[in-house]
C-alpha atoms as a PDB file:
ATOM      1  CA  MET A   1       0.000   0.000   0.000  1.00  0.00           C
ATOM      2  CA  HIS A   2       1.347   3.413  -0.953  1.00  0.00           C
ATOM      3  CA  HIS A   3      -0.314   6.815  -0.535  1.00  0.00           C
ATOM      4  CA  ARG A   4       1.078  10.096  -1.851  1.00  0.00           C
ATOM      5  CA  ALA A   5      -0.304  13.640  -1.561  1.00  0.00           C
ATOM      6  CA  GLY A   6       0.853  16.879  -3.152  1.00  0.00           C
ATOM      7  CA  ASN A   7      -0.156  20.347  -4.311  1.00  0.00           C
ATOM      8  CA  HIS A   8      -1.166  21.311  -0.784  1.00  0.00           C
ATOM      9  CA  LEU A   9      -3.331  24.413  -0.456  1.00  0.00           C
ATOM     10  CA  ILE A  10      -4.257  25.902   2.923  1.00  0.00           C
ATOM     11  CA  ASP A  11      -6.790  28.644   3.622  1.00  0.00           C
ATOM     12  CA  ILE A  12      -6.975  30.088   7.145  1.00  0.00           C
ATOM     13  CA  THR A  13      -9.636  32.529   8.300  1.00  0.00           C
ATOM     14  CA  GLY A  14      -9.382  33.457  11.955  1.00  0.00           C
ATOM     15  CA  ASP A  15      -9.589  30.294  14.046  1.00  0.00           C
ATOM     16  CA  THR A  16     -10.684  27.953  11.253  1.00  0.00           C
ATOM     17  CA  GLY A  17      -9.017  26.576   8.187  1.00  0.00           C
ATOM     18  CA  ARG A  18      -9.416  24.236   5.259  1.00  0.00           C
ATOM     19  CA  ALA A  19      -6.841  22.411   3.223  1.00  0.00           C
ATOM     20  CA  HIS A  20      -6.747  20.595  -0.102  1.00  0.00           C
ATOM     21  CA  ALA A  21      -4.228  18.067  -1.371  1.00  0.00           C
ATOM     22  CA  ASP A  22      -4.323  15.967  -4.528  1.00  0.00           C
ATOM     23  CA  ALA A  23      -3.760  12.299  -3.710  1.00  0.00           C
ATOM     24  CA  ILE A  24      -2.886   8.997  -5.347  1.00  0.00           C
ATOM     25  CA  ALA A  25      -3.047   5.633  -3.583  1.00  0.00           C
ATOM     26  CA  VAL A  26      -1.863   2.291  -4.933  1.00  0.00           C
ATOM     27  CA  HIS A  27      -2.770  -0.975  -3.235  1.00  0.00           C
ATOM     28  CA  LEU A  28      -0.612  -3.938  -4.233  1.00  0.00           C
ATOM     29  CA  LYS A  29      -0.886  -7.640  -3.544  1.00  0.00           C
ATOM     30  CA  ASN A  30       1.476  -9.760  -5.590  1.00  0.00           C
ATOM     31  CA  ASP A  31      -0.468 -13.020  -5.162  1.00  0.00           C
ATOM     32  CA  ALA A  32      -3.907 -11.559  -6.010  1.00  0.00           C
ATOM     33  CA  THR A  33      -5.870 -13.544  -8.586  1.00  0.00           C
ATOM     34  CA  ASN A  34      -7.701 -10.704 -10.387  1.00  0.00           C
ATOM     35  CA  GLY A  35      -4.754  -8.341 -10.862  1.00  0.00           C
ATOM     36  CA  THR A  36      -2.077  -7.192  -8.480  1.00  0.00           C
ATOM     37  CA  THR A  37      -2.953  -3.482  -8.137  1.00  0.00           C
ATOM     38  CA  ARG A  38      -5.784  -1.072  -7.465  1.00  0.00           C
ATOM     39  CA  TRP A  39      -5.435   2.686  -8.013  1.00  0.00           C
ATOM     40  CA  PHE A  40      -7.321   5.493  -6.293  1.00  0.00           C
ATOM     41  CA  ILE A  41      -7.012   9.111  -7.480  1.00  0.00           C
ATOM     42  CA  GLY A  42      -8.704  11.956  -5.649  1.00  0.00           C
ATOM     43  CA  SER A  43      -8.143  14.709  -3.135  1.00  0.00           C
ATOM     44  CA  TYR A  44      -8.048  15.141   0.633  1.00  0.00           C
ATOM     45  CA  VAL A  45     -10.093  18.026   2.082  1.00  0.00           C
ATOM     46  CA  PRO A  46      -9.549  18.390   5.838  1.00  0.00           C
ATOM     47  CA  GLY A  47     -10.945  21.163   8.001  1.00  0.00           C
ATOM     48  CA  PHE A  48      -9.217  22.608  11.070  1.00  0.00           C
ATOM     49  CA  GLU A  49     -10.032  24.710  14.105  1.00  0.00           C
ATOM     50  CA  ARG A  50      -7.784  26.439  16.615  1.00  0.00           C
ATOM     51  CA  THR A  51      -8.458  25.332  20.179  1.00  0.00           C
ATOM     52  CA  GLU A  52      -6.802  26.134  23.492  1.00  0.00           C
ATOM     53  CA  LYS A  53      -4.555  23.090  22.808  1.00  0.00           C
ATOM     54  CA  GLY A  54      -3.627  24.236  19.289  1.00  0.00           C
ATOM     55  CA  TRP A  55      -4.907  23.384  15.820  1.00  0.00           C
ATOM     56  CA  ARG A  56      -7.122  20.299  15.563  1.00  0.00           C
ATOM     57  CA  ILE A  57      -8.737  18.488  12.617  1.00  0.00           C
ATOM     58  CA  ASN A  58     -12.520  18.857  12.802  1.00  0.00           C
ATOM     59  CA  HIS A  59     -13.470  17.508   9.369  1.00  0.00           C
ATOM     60  CA  PHE A  60     -11.929  15.068   6.902  1.00  0.00           C
ATOM     61  CA  GLU A  61     -13.168  14.194   3.430  1.00  0.00           C
ATOM     62  CA  TYR A  62     -11.682  12.195   0.574  1.00  0.00           C
ATOM     63  CA  LYS A  63     -13.090  13.122  -2.840  1.00  0.00           C
ATOM     64  CA  LEU A  64     -12.618  10.119  -5.095  1.00  0.00           C
ATOM     65  CA  LYS A  65     -12.179  10.968  -8.790  1.00  0.00           C
ATOM     66  CA  VAL A  66     -10.884   7.718 -10.353  1.00  0.00           C
ATOM     67  CA  ILE A  67     -10.667   4.121  -9.196  1.00  0.00           C
ATOM     68  CA  ASP A  68      -9.203   1.338 -11.315  1.00  0.00           C
ATOM     69  CA  GLY A  69      -7.848  -2.172 -10.939  1.00  0.00           C
ATOM     70  CA  ASN A  70      -8.642  -5.223  -8.857  1.00  0.00           C
ATOM     71  CA  ALA A  71     -11.793  -4.538  -6.792  1.00  0.00           C
ATOM     72  CA  ASP A  72     -10.694  -7.180  -4.244  1.00  0.00           C
ATOM     73  CA  LEU A  73      -7.847  -4.876  -3.143  1.00  0.00           C
ATOM     74  CA  THR A  74      -9.606  -2.256  -1.016  1.00  0.00           C
END
């Protein structure tokens, strides 16, 4: 399993923020019978809030754009 994210964008307004990062994930299983890989392409969209203990994630979303490969490899 390999996950990679890039093109990070962050928008902060006061004590809240949102981020965006393009993401690619590859799941691999060499002995799988219906293909050895499954690809996921999308973006991460987390939300943040500043608390008395610092910044905390208050929302997390993955927006899937493309999925391809062996459906048994989730």
